[in-house]
């Protein structure tokens, strides 16, 4: 197990060597052209060259282990990057940028940007991961609402008039749709409105049609549920949260527990996030939930899996305001 006193968190050269071993376990690969011929890659060890610099003889470009990753073009010491990735991946409910800025000795603005870069690395590639569920598997679906939208609506989502206090149910709150494969992974999505059309789009794109769908009694799942092997639900309005039928347990408690961890983290650690950034926080909580201790993943393994996801992802200040629902 990796501890906070590990040399990779204290020394930049040790951190670089560790990252090289993680990223190039099968040999050096040019970050520019993909050349993997070890005889055609030269380590530059002159006095004028920084440690870890290589030159590709195929494309003549120079590169280090951080090129083509979320760490690229950063002036922050690599050992601080590794410590930040370890802390953010191992803290169940997250770690605030203020805490990181104190622990790493960097400015708050730098720590905040580091956190968003790491969240970009945590983002799952849904296309390569494939659909959730499958034959004989159960996928739970639910929606939740958290925090006020940046632009308050002029109409309620239900169509009912606003109350004197200006509220009606979830109107004016950010909507999140969650999917959890029973005993497996989760995917959470920030949507503009959690209605039948939006929920169907998410379900059919992310869940295998051979799956059994478990939800509450919300009407938005009624028609879409017919497109799957079966659709079973519990009646929360009647106080039913789990039902036993023929040795099976019907519930959507797993997805609700994922929502619970997300909300406790947002309220207790982060306190606030702009709506344009909500999808990045959802990716962070999905990453940790999908590698939780119940799935036999420890902190070191979770950190190594995060480092395996840093490649091919860049996040610049110019891209920071991109929203998932624009």
Protein backbone atom coordinates (compact mmCIF):
# COMPACT_ATOMS: atom_id res chain seq x y z
CA UNK A 1 0.00 0.00 0.00
CA UNK A 2 1.24 3.51 -0.84
CA UNK A 3 1.51 5.86 2.15
CA UNK A 4 1.71 9.64 2.21
CA UNK A 5 5.38 9.33 3.18
CA UNK A 6 6.16 7.49 -0.08
CA UNK A 7 9.14 8.94 -2.02
CA UNK A 8 6.92 9.47 -5.09
CA UNK A 9 5.06 12.16 -3.13
CA UNK A 10 8.23 13.81 -1.82
CA UNK A 11 10.68 13.80 -4.73
CA UNK A 12 9.98 14.94 -8.31
CA UNK A 13 12.49 12.51 -9.85
CA UNK A 14 11.02 9.55 -7.95
CA UNK A 15 7.56 10.66 -9.07
CA UNK A 16 8.70 10.82 -12.71
CA UNK A 17 10.27 7.37 -12.53
CA UNK A 18 7.12 5.95 -10.97
CA UNK A 19 4.87 7.52 -13.62
CA UNK A 20 7.15 6.26 -16.40
CA UNK A 21 6.89 2.73 -14.98
CA UNK A 22 3.11 3.05 -14.83
CA UNK A 23 2.58 4.60 -18.24
CA UNK A 24 5.33 2.81 -20.16
CA UNK A 25 5.25 -0.61 -18.52
CA UNK A 26 5.94 -2.26 -21.90
CA UNK A 27 8.54 0.23 -23.09
CA UNK A 28 8.75 3.87 -24.20
CA UNK A 29 6.13 5.20 -26.59
CA UNK A 30 6.44 8.52 -28.42
CA UNK A 31 3.65 10.82 -27.27
CA UNK A 32 3.58 12.53 -30.68
CA UNK A 33 3.62 9.77 -33.30
CA UNK A 34 3.12 6.60 -31.26
CA UNK A 35 6.49 5.11 -32.20
CA UNK A 36 7.29 2.21 -29.81
CA UNK A 37 10.59 1.10 -31.35
CA UNK A 38 12.98 1.31 -28.39
CA UNK A 39 15.98 1.65 -30.71
CA UNK A 40 14.39 4.72 -32.31
CA UNK A 41 13.88 6.62 -29.04
CA UNK A 42 16.83 8.36 -27.39
CA UNK A 43 17.10 9.59 -23.83
CA UNK A 44 18.57 13.10 -23.75
CA UNK A 45 20.93 13.29 -20.77
CA UNK A 46 22.99 16.37 -21.53
CA UNK A 47 23.51 19.13 -18.98
CA UNK A 48 21.11 21.36 -20.90
CA UNK A 49 18.33 18.76 -20.86
CA UNK A 50 15.86 18.30 -18.04
CA UNK A 51 15.54 14.81 -16.51
CA UNK A 52 13.18 12.44 -18.30
CA UNK A 53 13.41 14.09 -21.73
CA UNK A 54 13.37 11.80 -24.77
CA UNK A 55 13.62 12.31 -28.51
CA UNK A 56 11.81 10.21 -31.08
CA UNK A 57 14.02 9.42 -34.09
CA UNK A 58 10.91 8.74 -36.21
CA UNK A 59 9.22 12.15 -35.92
CA UNK A 60 12.18 14.07 -34.41
CA UNK A 61 9.98 15.49 -31.64
CA UNK A 62 10.94 15.56 -27.98
CA UNK A 63 8.66 14.40 -25.17
CA UNK A 64 8.43 13.53 -21.47
CA UNK A 65 6.09 11.22 -19.59
CA UNK A 66 3.60 14.07 -19.01
CA UNK A 67 3.12 14.94 -22.71
CA UNK A 68 -0.34 13.91 -23.89
CA UNK A 69 -1.74 13.75 -20.35
CA UNK A 70 -3.66 16.05 -17.99
CA UNK A 71 -0.28 16.95 -16.45
CA UNK A 72 1.10 18.38 -19.71
CA UNK A 73 2.61 21.89 -19.74
CA UNK A 74 2.30 22.21 -15.96
CA UNK A 75 5.00 23.94 -13.91
CA UNK A 76 3.84 22.16 -10.74
CA UNK A 77 6.29 19.53 -9.49
CA UNK A 78 5.22 16.05 -10.56
CA UNK A 79 5.37 14.71 -6.98
CA UNK A 80 2.70 17.26 -6.05
CA UNK A 81 0.55 16.09 -8.97
CA UNK A 82 0.84 12.48 -7.80
CA UNK A 83 -0.03 13.44 -4.24
CA UNK A 84 -3.08 15.38 -5.46
CA UNK A 85 -4.27 12.42 -7.57
CA UNK A 86 -3.80 10.07 -4.60
CA UNK A 87 -5.68 12.32 -2.17
CA UNK A 88 -8.57 12.97 -4.55
CA UNK A 89 -8.94 9.30 -5.51
CA UNK A 90 -8.71 7.94 -1.96
CA UNK A 91 -10.96 10.45 -0.14
CA UNK A 92 -14.43 8.92 -0.29
CA UNK A 93 -16.30 12.21 -0.37
CA UNK A 94 -13.64 14.24 -2.15
CA UNK A 95 -11.12 16.85 -1.07
CA UNK A 96 -11.61 20.57 -1.47
CA UNK A 97 -9.24 22.77 -3.45
CA UNK A 98 -8.69 24.82 -0.27
CA UNK A 99 -7.45 21.72 1.55
CA UNK A 100 -5.18 20.80 -1.35
CA UNK A 101 -3.76 24.30 -1.58
CA UNK A 102 -2.78 24.10 2.09
CA UNK A 103 -1.33 20.58 1.85
CA UNK A 104 0.55 21.04 -1.42
CA UNK A 105 1.81 24.57 -0.80
CA UNK A 106 0.31 25.97 -4.01
CA UNK A 107 -2.15 28.80 -4.52
CA UNK A 108 -5.87 28.16 -4.24
CA UNK A 109 -6.33 28.98 -7.93
CA UNK A 110 -3.69 26.42 -8.86
CA UNK A 111 -5.21 23.76 -6.59
CA UNK A 112 -8.68 24.42 -8.05
CA UNK A 113 -7.40 23.98 -11.60
CA UNK A 114 -5.50 20.83 -10.58
CA UNK A 115 -8.70 19.34 -9.17
CA UNK A 116 -10.57 19.95 -12.42
CA UNK A 117 -7.76 18.43 -14.48
CA UNK A 118 -7.84 15.34 -12.28
CA UNK A 119 -11.63 15.12 -12.64
CA UNK A 120 -11.15 15.25 -16.40
CA UNK A 121 -8.91 12.19 -16.08
CA UNK A 122 -11.54 10.46 -13.93
CA UNK A 123 -14.16 10.79 -16.67
CA UNK A 124 -15.21 7.43 -18.05
CA UNK A 125 -15.11 6.77 -21.77
CA UNK A 126 -18.67 5.47 -22.13
CA UNK A 127 -18.16 4.30 -25.71
CA UNK A 128 -15.23 2.03 -24.90
CA UNK A 129 -16.78 0.89 -21.60
CA UNK A 130 -19.91 -0.33 -23.38
CA UNK A 131 -23.46 -0.60 -22.02
CA UNK A 132 -24.31 -1.37 -18.41
CA UNK A 133 -26.17 -4.52 -17.41
CA UNK A 134 -26.96 -7.38 -19.72
CA UNK A 135 -28.72 -10.71 -19.63
CA UNK A 136 -29.59 -11.68 -16.06
CA UNK A 137 -28.38 -8.35 -14.64
CA UNK A 138 -30.25 -5.56 -12.86
CA UNK A 139 -29.81 -1.84 -13.51
CA UNK A 140 -31.31 0.69 -11.12
CA UNK A 141 -32.34 4.13 -12.35
CA UNK A 142 -33.42 7.20 -10.42
CA UNK A 143 -33.27 10.97 -10.56
CA UNK A 144 -32.38 13.50 -7.92
CA UNK A 145 -32.14 17.28 -7.58
CA UNK A 146 -29.31 19.18 -5.99
CA UNK A 147 -28.50 22.88 -5.78
CA UNK A 148 -30.15 25.79 -7.53
CA UNK A 149 -29.77 26.27 -11.26
CA UNK A 150 -27.68 29.28 -12.23
CA UNK A 151 -30.61 30.67 -14.22
CA UNK A 152 -33.90 30.43 -12.37
CA UNK A 153 -36.76 29.14 -14.55
CA UNK A 154 -39.85 31.09 -15.50
CA UNK A 155 -41.90 27.89 -15.73
CA UNK A 156 -42.06 24.93 -13.37
CA UNK A 157 -41.12 21.47 -14.54
CA UNK A 158 -44.50 20.17 -13.40
CA UNK A 159 -46.54 22.86 -15.12
CA UNK A 160 -48.09 23.89 -11.81
CA UNK A 161 -47.88 27.57 -10.76
CA UNK A 162 -45.13 28.74 -8.44
CA UNK A 163 -45.98 29.05 -4.76
CA UNK A 164 -45.69 32.34 -2.87
CA UNK A 165 -42.13 31.43 -1.96
CA UNK A 166 -41.38 30.87 -5.64
CA UNK A 167 -40.96 27.12 -5.38
CA UNK A 168 -42.78 24.10 -6.76
CA UNK A 169 -41.19 20.72 -6.21
CA UNK A 170 -37.82 20.38 -7.95
CA UNK A 171 -38.24 23.47 -10.13
CA UNK A 172 -35.18 25.68 -10.09
CA UNK A 173 -32.88 22.84 -9.00
CA UNK A 174 -30.20 21.02 -10.96
CA UNK A 175 -31.40 17.63 -12.16
CA UNK A 176 -29.21 14.53 -12.05
CA UNK A 177 -30.12 11.14 -13.51
CA UNK A 178 -28.30 8.13 -12.08
CA UNK A 179 -27.82 4.55 -13.27
CA UNK A 180 -26.26 1.77 -11.16
CA UNK A 181 -25.68 -1.82 -12.17
CA UNK A 182 -26.51 -3.96 -9.13
CA UNK A 183 -23.18 -4.94 -7.61
CA UNK A 184 -21.35 -2.97 -10.30
CA UNK A 185 -20.71 0.51 -11.63
CA UNK A 186 -22.61 3.79 -11.68
CA UNK A 187 -23.09 6.58 -14.19
CA UNK A 188 -24.57 9.94 -13.23
CA UNK A 189 -25.64 12.61 -15.69
CA UNK A 190 -26.46 16.28 -15.24
CA UNK A 191 -29.50 17.09 -17.39
CA UNK A 192 -31.47 20.25 -17.99
CA UNK A 193 -34.74 18.50 -17.19
CA UNK A 194 -35.40 14.99 -15.90
CA UNK A 195 -38.43 14.13 -18.04
CA UNK A 196 -39.45 10.99 -19.90
CA UNK A 197 -37.64 11.95 -23.12
CA UNK A 198 -34.36 12.79 -21.40
CA UNK A 199 -34.42 9.70 -19.21
CA UNK A 200 -35.19 7.43 -22.18
CA UNK A 201 -32.24 8.90 -24.13
CA UNK A 202 -29.89 8.13 -21.23
CA UNK A 203 -31.27 4.63 -20.63
CA UNK A 204 -31.20 3.38 -24.22
CA UNK A 205 -27.68 4.75 -24.79
CA UNK A 206 -26.19 3.34 -21.60
CA UNK A 207 -28.12 0.19 -20.63
CA UNK A 208 -28.29 -3.16 -22.41
CA UNK A 209 -31.90 -3.88 -23.45
CA UNK A 210 -31.60 -7.40 -22.00
CA UNK A 211 -31.29 -5.91 -18.50
CA UNK A 212 -33.98 -5.83 -15.82
CA UNK A 213 -34.79 -2.23 -14.88
CA UNK A 214 -35.54 -1.30 -11.26
CA UNK A 215 -36.97 2.16 -10.47
CA UNK A 216 -39.46 3.88 -8.22
CA UNK A 217 -43.03 4.50 -9.41
CA UNK A 218 -42.20 7.72 -11.30
CA UNK A 219 -44.17 7.94 -14.56
CA UNK A 220 -41.09 8.95 -16.57
CA UNK A 221 -39.94 5.30 -16.57
CA UNK A 222 -43.26 3.70 -17.47
CA UNK A 223 -43.00 3.62 -21.28
CA UNK A 224 -39.22 3.31 -21.48
CA UNK A 225 -39.32 0.36 -19.09
CA UNK A 226 -41.18 -1.64 -21.75
CA UNK A 227 -38.08 -1.54 -23.96
CA UNK A 228 -36.10 -3.68 -21.51
CA UNK A 229 -36.36 -7.32 -20.50
CA UNK A 230 -38.60 -6.31 -17.62
CA UNK A 231 -39.35 -3.24 -15.53
CA UNK A 232 -40.04 -3.59 -11.82
CA UNK A 233 -40.62 -0.75 -9.40
CA UNK A 234 -41.39 0.06 -5.78
CA UNK A 235 -44.01 2.51 -4.56
CA UNK A 236 -42.18 5.06 -2.47
CA UNK A 237 -45.37 7.08 -2.04
CA UNK A 238 -46.82 4.13 -0.12
CA UNK A 239 -43.72 3.69 2.02
CA UNK A 240 -42.41 0.73 0.00
CA UNK A 241 -38.65 0.83 -0.57
CA UNK A 242 -37.93 -2.86 -1.13
CA UNK A 243 -40.11 -5.80 -2.15
CA UNK A 244 -39.34 -9.52 -2.11
CA UNK A 245 -40.72 -11.65 -4.93
CA UNK A 246 -39.72 -15.24 -5.72
CA UNK A 247 -36.39 -14.88 -3.93
CA UNK A 248 -35.62 -11.56 -5.66
CA UNK A 249 -35.26 -8.16 -4.05
CA UNK A 250 -36.81 -5.28 -6.00
CA UNK A 251 -35.48 -1.86 -5.03
CA UNK A 252 -33.54 1.19 -6.23
CA UNK A 253 -31.66 1.67 -2.98
CA UNK A 254 -28.22 1.22 -4.56
CA UNK A 255 -28.55 4.21 -6.88
CA UNK A 256 -29.99 6.22 -4.00
CA UNK A 257 -26.95 5.34 -1.88
CA UNK A 258 -24.71 6.62 -4.71
CA UNK A 259 -26.72 9.86 -4.67
CA UNK A 260 -26.29 9.99 -0.89
CA UNK A 261 -22.48 9.84 -1.08
CA UNK A 262 -22.52 12.50 -3.82
CA UNK A 263 -24.73 14.88 -1.82
CA UNK A 264 -22.80 14.44 1.43
CA UNK A 265 -19.60 15.20 -0.43
CA UNK A 266 -21.04 18.27 -2.12
CA UNK A 267 -22.53 19.62 1.10
CA UNK A 268 -19.76 18.67 3.50
CA UNK A 269 -16.61 19.06 1.40
CA UNK A 270 -17.24 21.19 -1.67
CA UNK A 271 -20.21 23.25 -0.41
CA UNK A 272 -20.79 24.81 -3.83
CA UNK A 273 -19.98 24.30 -7.49
CA UNK A 274 -21.03 26.23 -10.57
CA UNK A 275 -23.56 24.43 -12.72
CA UNK A 276 -21.14 24.36 -15.66
CA UNK A 277 -18.80 22.21 -13.54
CA UNK A 278 -21.37 19.82 -12.07
CA UNK A 279 -20.69 17.07 -14.63
CA UNK A 280 -17.02 17.04 -13.59
CA UNK A 281 -17.93 16.47 -9.94
CA UNK A 282 -20.32 13.69 -11.01
CA UNK A 283 -17.43 12.05 -12.91
CA UNK A 284 -15.31 12.23 -9.75
CA UNK A 285 -17.94 10.54 -7.57
CA UNK A 286 -18.62 7.93 -10.26
CA UNK A 287 -14.89 7.14 -10.44
CA UNK A 288 -14.62 6.42 -6.72
CA UNK A 289 -17.97 4.59 -6.51
CA UNK A 290 -16.94 2.33 -9.39
CA UNK A 291 -13.72 1.46 -7.55
CA UNK A 292 -15.09 1.25 -4.04
CA UNK A 293 -13.81 -1.07 -1.31
CA UNK A 294 -16.86 -3.31 -1.76
CA UNK A 295 -15.50 -4.13 -5.24
CA UNK A 296 -12.15 -5.14 -3.67
CA UNK A 297 -10.26 -2.02 -4.82
CA UNK A 298 -7.90 -0.40 -2.32
CA UNK A 299 -6.49 3.14 -2.34
CA UNK A 300 -3.26 2.21 -4.11
CA UNK A 301 -5.06 0.29 -6.85
CA UNK A 302 -7.56 3.11 -7.30
CA UNK A 303 -4.70 5.59 -7.65
CA UNK A 304 -2.94 3.40 -10.22
CA UNK A 305 -6.16 3.07 -12.20
CA UNK A 306 -6.51 6.86 -12.20
CA UNK A 307 -2.95 7.29 -13.51
CA UNK A 308 -3.82 4.84 -16.30
CA UNK A 309 -6.61 7.24 -17.36
CA UNK A 310 -4.58 10.47 -17.63
CA UNK A 311 -3.50 9.87 -21.23
CA UNK A 312 -5.22 11.59 -24.14
CA UNK A 313 -7.05 14.08 -21.93
CA UNK A 314 -6.36 17.81 -21.70
CA UNK A 315 -8.22 20.53 -19.88
CA UNK A 316 -7.32 24.19 -20.38
CA UNK A 317 -8.76 27.31 -18.76
CA UNK A 318 -10.50 28.01 -22.06
CA UNK A 319 -12.45 24.74 -21.76
CA UNK A 320 -13.32 25.02 -18.08
CA UNK A 321 -16.69 26.68 -18.61
CA UNK A 322 -17.97 23.92 -20.91
CA UNK A 323 -21.20 22.49 -19.56
CA UNK A 324 -22.59 19.01 -20.15
CA UNK A 325 -26.01 20.36 -21.10
CA UNK A 326 -25.06 23.26 -23.39
